[in-house]
């Protein structure tokens, strides 16, 4: 009996160079701000699309995520670079109710957000299977590789348990790069 399930699949993570190329891809200020916030705060698409301008805590450099998965609220990171991108977008687009609005002030669609991401990876010259959620996975993995405590990462992602967050220990290349194969110690 095969016990392999979706829960055992490793997430597709982008390296820092790929993230940089995606975020530097030519796009309008709204799309740039959206992708920057997804990576800066480790957001799910629905969480990004539900943000309001008041959710930006500029003083403390935090982002309030209301009603995340399971209806939970949490605080995540708001980088200076993401805030600059959001400010440039706000000056140009002037949304009314939500931080990112679609046409006529409606909710921006998740399908359109995915299309923005796929256009950015194409412009960045990245030819592998990635999803918008790969930015969230990359956020968590890069924090882990930088030495951030897994409990902190768990809270930023809104995971109920560190067991869910531990998947990122399996895709972190920094720790793997420090381990030598036993073959190296054989005198062949």
C-alpha atoms as a PDB file:
ATOM      1  CA  UNK A   1       0.000   0.000   0.000  1.00  0.00           C
ATOM      2  CA  UNK A   2       1.421   3.396  -0.975  1.00  0.00           C
ATOM      3  CA  UNK A   3       1.315   5.952   1.787  1.00  0.00           C
ATOM      4  CA  UNK A   4       2.596   8.742  -0.455  1.00  0.00           C
ATOM      5  CA  UNK A   5       0.137  11.591  -0.467  1.00  0.00           C
ATOM      6  CA  UNK A   6      -0.067  15.226  -1.345  1.00  0.00           C
ATOM      7  CA  UNK A   7       1.078  16.046   2.182  1.00  0.00           C
ATOM      8  CA  UNK A   8       4.408  14.332   1.432  1.00  0.00           C
ATOM      9  CA  UNK A   9       5.214  16.393  -1.661  1.00  0.00           C
ATOM     10  CA  UNK A  10       7.936  18.959  -1.284  1.00  0.00           C
ATOM     11  CA  UNK A  11       6.992  22.539  -2.153  1.00  0.00           C
ATOM     12  CA  UNK A  12       8.490  24.221  -5.217  1.00  0.00           C
ATOM     13  CA  UNK A  13      10.838  26.841  -3.851  1.00  0.00           C
ATOM     14  CA  UNK A  14      12.564  29.558  -5.825  1.00  0.00           C
ATOM     15  CA  UNK A  15      16.133  30.496  -5.004  1.00  0.00           C
ATOM     16  CA  UNK A  16      16.846  34.108  -4.072  1.00  0.00           C
ATOM     17  CA  UNK A  17      18.136  34.898  -7.555  1.00  0.00           C
ATOM     18  CA  UNK A  18      14.903  33.664  -9.127  1.00  0.00           C
ATOM     19  CA  UNK A  19      12.772  35.678  -6.684  1.00  0.00           C
ATOM     20  CA  UNK A  20      14.815  38.772  -7.500  1.00  0.00           C
ATOM     21  CA  UNK A  21      14.372  38.201 -11.239  1.00  0.00           C
ATOM     22  CA  UNK A  22      10.614  37.751 -10.849  1.00  0.00           C
ATOM     23  CA  UNK A  23      10.217  40.862  -8.692  1.00  0.00           C
ATOM     24  CA  UNK A  24      12.379  42.885 -11.098  1.00  0.00           C
ATOM     25  CA  UNK A  25      10.441  41.732 -14.177  1.00  0.00           C
ATOM     26  CA  UNK A  26       8.793  44.602 -16.063  1.00  0.00           C
ATOM     27  CA  UNK A  27       5.251  45.099 -14.767  1.00  0.00           C
ATOM     28  CA  UNK A  28       2.983  47.901 -13.639  1.00  0.00           C
ATOM     29  CA  UNK A  29       3.130  49.293 -10.102  1.00  0.00           C
ATOM     30  CA  UNK A  30       0.045  47.377  -8.924  1.00  0.00           C
ATOM     31  CA  UNK A  31       1.403  44.003 -10.032  1.00  0.00           C
ATOM     32  CA  UNK A  32       4.825  44.755  -8.599  1.00  0.00           C
ATOM     33  CA  UNK A  33       3.358  45.720  -5.212  1.00  0.00           C
ATOM     34  CA  UNK A  34       1.194  42.593  -5.144  1.00  0.00           C
ATOM     35  CA  UNK A  35       4.062  40.176  -5.788  1.00  0.00           C
ATOM     36  CA  UNK A  36       6.362  42.038  -3.397  1.00  0.00           C
ATOM     37  CA  UNK A  37       3.803  41.720  -0.582  1.00  0.00           C
ATOM     38  CA  UNK A  38       3.226  38.013  -1.242  1.00  0.00           C
ATOM     39  CA  UNK A  39       6.967  37.355  -0.856  1.00  0.00           C
ATOM     40  CA  UNK A  40       7.621  39.960   1.861  1.00  0.00           C
ATOM     41  CA  UNK A  41       4.915  38.584   4.163  1.00  0.00           C
ATOM     42  CA  UNK A  42       4.479  34.987   2.994  1.00  0.00           C
ATOM     43  CA  UNK A  43       0.862  35.563   2.000  1.00  0.00           C
ATOM     44  CA  UNK A  44      -1.667  33.255   0.418  1.00  0.00           C
ATOM     45  CA  UNK A  45      -3.418  34.782  -2.601  1.00  0.00           C
ATOM     46  CA  UNK A  46      -6.740  35.200  -0.759  1.00  0.00           C
ATOM     47  CA  UNK A  47      -4.980  36.947   2.106  1.00  0.00           C
ATOM     48  CA  UNK A  48      -3.355  39.443  -0.257  1.00  0.00           C
ATOM     49  CA  UNK A  49      -6.620  40.149  -2.056  1.00  0.00           C
ATOM     50  CA  UNK A  50      -8.466  40.797   1.235  1.00  0.00           C
ATOM     51  CA  UNK A  51      -5.966  43.406   2.470  1.00  0.00           C
ATOM     52  CA  UNK A  52      -7.103  46.946   3.202  1.00  0.00           C
ATOM     53  CA  UNK A  53      -4.816  49.990   3.352  1.00  0.00           C
ATOM     54  CA  UNK A  54      -5.312  50.101   7.156  1.00  0.00           C
ATOM     55  CA  UNK A  55      -3.683  46.650   7.431  1.00  0.00           C
ATOM     56  CA  UNK A  56      -0.287  48.225   6.755  1.00  0.00           C
ATOM     57  CA  UNK A  57       1.368  49.031  10.089  1.00  0.00           C
ATOM     58  CA  UNK A  58       3.990  51.421   8.739  1.00  0.00           C
ATOM     59  CA  UNK A  59       5.477  52.301  12.123  1.00  0.00           C
ATOM     60  CA  UNK A  60       6.186  48.739  13.224  1.00  0.00           C
ATOM     61  CA  UNK A  61       6.831  47.406   9.676  1.00  0.00           C
ATOM     62  CA  UNK A  62       4.108  44.785  10.093  1.00  0.00           C
ATOM     63  CA  UNK A  63       1.214  43.640   7.964  1.00  0.00           C
ATOM     64  CA  UNK A  64      -2.067  42.588   9.565  1.00  0.00           C
ATOM     65  CA  UNK A  65      -3.595  39.553   7.898  1.00  0.00           C
ATOM     66  CA  UNK A  66      -7.291  39.290   8.741  1.00  0.00           C
ATOM     67  CA  UNK A  67      -9.199  36.046   8.386  1.00  0.00           C
ATOM     68  CA  UNK A  68      -6.411  33.899   6.994  1.00  0.00           C
ATOM     69  CA  UNK A  69      -6.826  30.148   6.545  1.00  0.00           C
ATOM     70  CA  UNK A  70      -9.098  28.851   9.283  1.00  0.00           C
ATOM     71  CA  UNK A  71     -10.365  32.405   9.888  1.00  0.00           C
ATOM     72  CA  UNK A  72      -7.267  33.265  11.926  1.00  0.00           C
ATOM     73  CA  UNK A  73      -5.772  36.742  12.126  1.00  0.00           C
ATOM     74  CA  UNK A  74      -2.015  37.221  12.342  1.00  0.00           C
ATOM     75  CA  UNK A  75       0.766  39.734  11.895  1.00  0.00           C
ATOM     76  CA  UNK A  76       3.461  39.245   9.277  1.00  0.00           C
ATOM     77  CA  UNK A  77       6.449  41.146   7.985  1.00  0.00           C
ATOM     78  CA  UNK A  78       6.281  44.327   5.930  1.00  0.00           C
ATOM     79  CA  UNK A  79       9.636  45.073   4.372  1.00  0.00           C
ATOM     80  CA  UNK A  80      10.735  48.588   3.466  1.00  0.00           C
ATOM     81  CA  UNK A  81      11.079  47.521  -0.178  1.00  0.00           C
ATOM     82  CA  UNK A  82       7.534  46.156  -0.267  1.00  0.00           C
ATOM     83  CA  UNK A  83       6.259  49.314   1.418  1.00  0.00           C
ATOM     84  CA  UNK A  84       8.002  51.451  -1.226  1.00  0.00           C
ATOM     85  CA  UNK A  85       6.337  49.400  -3.962  1.00  0.00           C
ATOM     86  CA  UNK A  86       2.938  49.718  -2.266  1.00  0.00           C
ATOM     87  CA  UNK A  87       3.369  53.481  -1.852  1.00  0.00           C
ATOM     88  CA  UNK A  88       4.246  53.898  -5.548  1.00  0.00           C
ATOM     89  CA  UNK A  89       1.166  51.867  -6.427  1.00  0.00           C
ATOM     90  CA  UNK A  90      -1.107  53.851  -4.057  1.00  0.00           C
ATOM     91  CA  UNK A  91      -0.010  57.165  -5.567  1.00  0.00           C
ATOM     92  CA  UNK A  92      -0.807  55.926  -9.063  1.00  0.00           C
ATOM     93  CA  UNK A  93      -3.917  53.791  -8.564  1.00  0.00           C
ATOM     94  CA  UNK A  94      -5.709  55.278  -5.509  1.00  0.00           C
ATOM     95  CA  UNK A  95      -7.867  52.313  -4.407  1.00  0.00           C
ATOM     96  CA  UNK A  96     -10.996  53.052  -2.378  1.00  0.00           C
ATOM     97  CA  UNK A  97     -11.825  50.108  -0.134  1.00  0.00           C
ATOM     98  CA  UNK A  98      -9.426  47.204  -0.625  1.00  0.00           C
ATOM     99  CA  UNK A  99      -5.681  47.615  -1.016  1.00  0.00           C
ATOM    100  CA  UNK A 100      -5.798  45.905  -4.429  1.00  0.00           C
ATOM    101  CA  UNK A 101      -9.009  46.354  -6.359  1.00  0.00           C
ATOM    102  CA  UNK A 102     -10.090  44.988  -9.696  1.00  0.00           C
ATOM    103  CA  UNK A 103     -12.034  46.862 -12.294  1.00  0.00           C
ATOM    104  CA  UNK A 104     -14.700  49.222 -10.966  1.00  0.00           C
ATOM    105  CA  UNK A 105     -13.453  48.794  -7.391  1.00  0.00           C
ATOM    106  CA  UNK A 106     -14.433  45.122  -7.277  1.00  0.00           C
ATOM    107  CA  UNK A 107     -12.337  42.442  -5.604  1.00  0.00           C
ATOM    108  CA  UNK A 108      -9.236  41.648  -7.659  1.00  0.00           C
ATOM    109  CA  UNK A 109      -9.542  38.073  -8.882  1.00  0.00           C
ATOM    110  CA  UNK A 110      -7.225  35.272  -7.773  1.00  0.00           C
ATOM    111  CA  UNK A 111      -7.096  34.113 -11.396  1.00  0.00           C
ATOM    112  CA  UNK A 112      -5.777  37.519 -12.496  1.00  0.00           C
ATOM    113  CA  UNK A 113      -3.196  37.462  -9.703  1.00  0.00           C
ATOM    114  CA  UNK A 114      -1.976  34.030 -10.851  1.00  0.00           C
ATOM    115  CA  UNK A 115      -1.737  35.375 -14.413  1.00  0.00           C
ATOM    116  CA  UNK A 116       0.381  38.291 -13.145  1.00  0.00           C
ATOM    117  CA  UNK A 117       2.761  35.833 -11.465  1.00  0.00           C
ATOM    118  CA  UNK A 118       3.029  33.594 -14.540  1.00  0.00           C
ATOM    119  CA  UNK A 119       3.715  36.598 -16.763  1.00  0.00           C
ATOM    120  CA  UNK A 120       6.466  37.695 -14.367  1.00  0.00           C
ATOM    121  CA  UNK A 121       8.180  34.286 -14.321  1.00  0.00           C
ATOM    122  CA  UNK A 122       8.042  34.175 -18.106  1.00  0.00           C
ATOM    123  CA  UNK A 123       9.606  37.657 -18.353  1.00  0.00           C
ATOM    124  CA  UNK A 124      12.212  36.560 -15.789  1.00  0.00           C
ATOM    125  CA  UNK A 125      13.186  33.673 -18.070  1.00  0.00           C
ATOM    126  CA  UNK A 126      12.330  30.992 -15.541  1.00  0.00           C
ATOM    127  CA  UNK A 127      11.173  27.801 -17.208  1.00  0.00           C
ATOM    128  CA  UNK A 128      10.010  25.427 -14.483  1.00  0.00           C
ATOM    129  CA  UNK A 129       6.774  24.561 -12.752  1.00  0.00           C
ATOM    130  CA  UNK A 130       6.051  27.318 -10.235  1.00  0.00           C
ATOM    131  CA  UNK A 131       2.878  28.756  -8.778  1.00  0.00           C
ATOM    132  CA  UNK A 132       2.116  31.984  -6.962  1.00  0.00           C
ATOM    133  CA  UNK A 133       2.250  29.909  -3.771  1.00  0.00           C
ATOM    134  CA  UNK A 134       5.932  29.256  -4.593  1.00  0.00           C
ATOM    135  CA  UNK A 135       6.613  32.823  -3.393  1.00  0.00           C
ATOM    136  CA  UNK A 136       5.106  31.924   0.007  1.00  0.00           C
ATOM    137  CA  UNK A 137       7.166  28.723   0.134  1.00  0.00           C
ATOM    138  CA  UNK A 138      10.267  30.715  -0.815  1.00  0.00           C
ATOM    139  CA  UNK A 139       9.582  33.278   1.932  1.00  0.00           C
ATOM    140  CA  UNK A 140       9.506  30.516   4.557  1.00  0.00           C
ATOM    141  CA  UNK A 141      12.523  28.664   3.182  1.00  0.00           C
ATOM    142  CA  UNK A 142      14.641  31.807   2.901  1.00  0.00           C
ATOM    143  CA  UNK A 143      13.783  32.796   6.477  1.00  0.00           C
ATOM    144  CA  UNK A 144      14.754  29.312   7.670  1.00  0.00           C
ATOM    145  CA  UNK A 145      18.031  29.433   5.722  1.00  0.00           C
ATOM    146  CA  UNK A 146      18.799  32.812   7.304  1.00  0.00           C
ATOM    147  CA  UNK A 147      18.577  31.193  10.741  1.00  0.00           C
ATOM    148  CA  UNK A 148      15.096  32.366  11.713  1.00  0.00           C
ATOM    149  CA  UNK A 149      13.481  30.249  14.426  1.00  0.00           C
ATOM    150  CA  UNK A 150      10.902  27.839  13.017  1.00  0.00           C
ATOM    151  CA  UNK A 151       8.332  28.961  15.604  1.00  0.00           C
ATOM    152  CA  UNK A 152       8.573  32.546  14.291  1.00  0.00           C
ATOM    153  CA  UNK A 153       8.134  31.292  10.716  1.00  0.00           C
ATOM    154  CA  UNK A 154       5.133  29.213  11.805  1.00  0.00           C
ATOM    155  CA  UNK A 155       3.453  32.298  13.269  1.00  0.00           C
ATOM    156  CA  UNK A 156       4.150  34.441  10.186  1.00  0.00           C
ATOM    157  CA  UNK A 157       2.644  31.761   7.933  1.00  0.00           C
ATOM    158  CA  UNK A 158      -0.369  31.214  10.188  1.00  0.00           C
ATOM    159  CA  UNK A 159       0.275  27.488  10.624  1.00  0.00           C
ATOM    160  CA  UNK A 160      -1.459  25.846  13.572  1.00  0.00           C
ATOM    161  CA  UNK A 161       1.508  23.569  14.233  1.00  0.00           C
ATOM    162  CA  UNK A 162       5.268  23.657  13.680  1.00  0.00           C
ATOM    163  CA  UNK A 163       4.850  20.216  12.067  1.00  0.00           C
ATOM    164  CA  UNK A 164       3.318  21.944   9.052  1.00  0.00           C
ATOM    165  CA  UNK A 165       6.190  24.427   8.917  1.00  0.00           C
ATOM    166  CA  UNK A 166       8.835  21.704   9.200  1.00  0.00           C
ATOM    167  CA  UNK A 167       8.365  20.847   5.500  1.00  0.00           C
ATOM    168  CA  UNK A 168      10.708  23.762   4.775  1.00  0.00           C
ATOM    169  CA  UNK A 169      13.567  21.987   6.529  1.00  0.00           C
ATOM    170  CA  UNK A 170      13.383  19.427   3.712  1.00  0.00           C
ATOM    171  CA  UNK A 171      13.855  21.972   0.917  1.00  0.00           C
ATOM    172  CA  UNK A 172      16.471  24.180   2.550  1.00  0.00           C
ATOM    173  CA  UNK A 173      19.676  23.893   0.537  1.00  0.00           C
ATOM    174  CA  UNK A 174      21.929  25.719   3.014  1.00  0.00           C
ATOM    175  CA  UNK A 175      21.870  22.884   5.557  1.00  0.00           C
ATOM    176  CA  UNK A 176      22.163  20.220   2.862  1.00  0.00           C
ATOM    177  CA  UNK A 177      25.203  21.965   1.381  1.00  0.00           C
ATOM    178  CA  UNK A 178      27.105  21.546   4.666  1.00  0.00           C
ATOM    179  CA  UNK A 179      26.619  17.772   4.807  1.00  0.00           C
ATOM    180  CA  UNK A 180      29.166  15.560   3.067  1.00  0.00           C
ATOM    181  CA  UNK A 181      28.226  12.327   1.382  1.00  0.00           C
ATOM    182  CA  UNK A 182      29.888   9.284   2.999  1.00  0.00           C
ATOM    183  CA  UNK A 183      31.252   8.452  -0.465  1.00  0.00           C
ATOM    184  CA  UNK A 184      33.652  11.375  -0.045  1.00  0.00           C
ATOM    185  CA  UNK A 185      35.353   9.543   2.841  1.00  0.00           C
ATOM    186  CA  UNK A 186      36.057   6.351   0.901  1.00  0.00           C
ATOM    187  CA  UNK A 187      39.516   5.890  -0.519  1.00  0.00           C
ATOM    188  CA  UNK A 188      38.603   4.937  -4.091  1.00  0.00           C
END
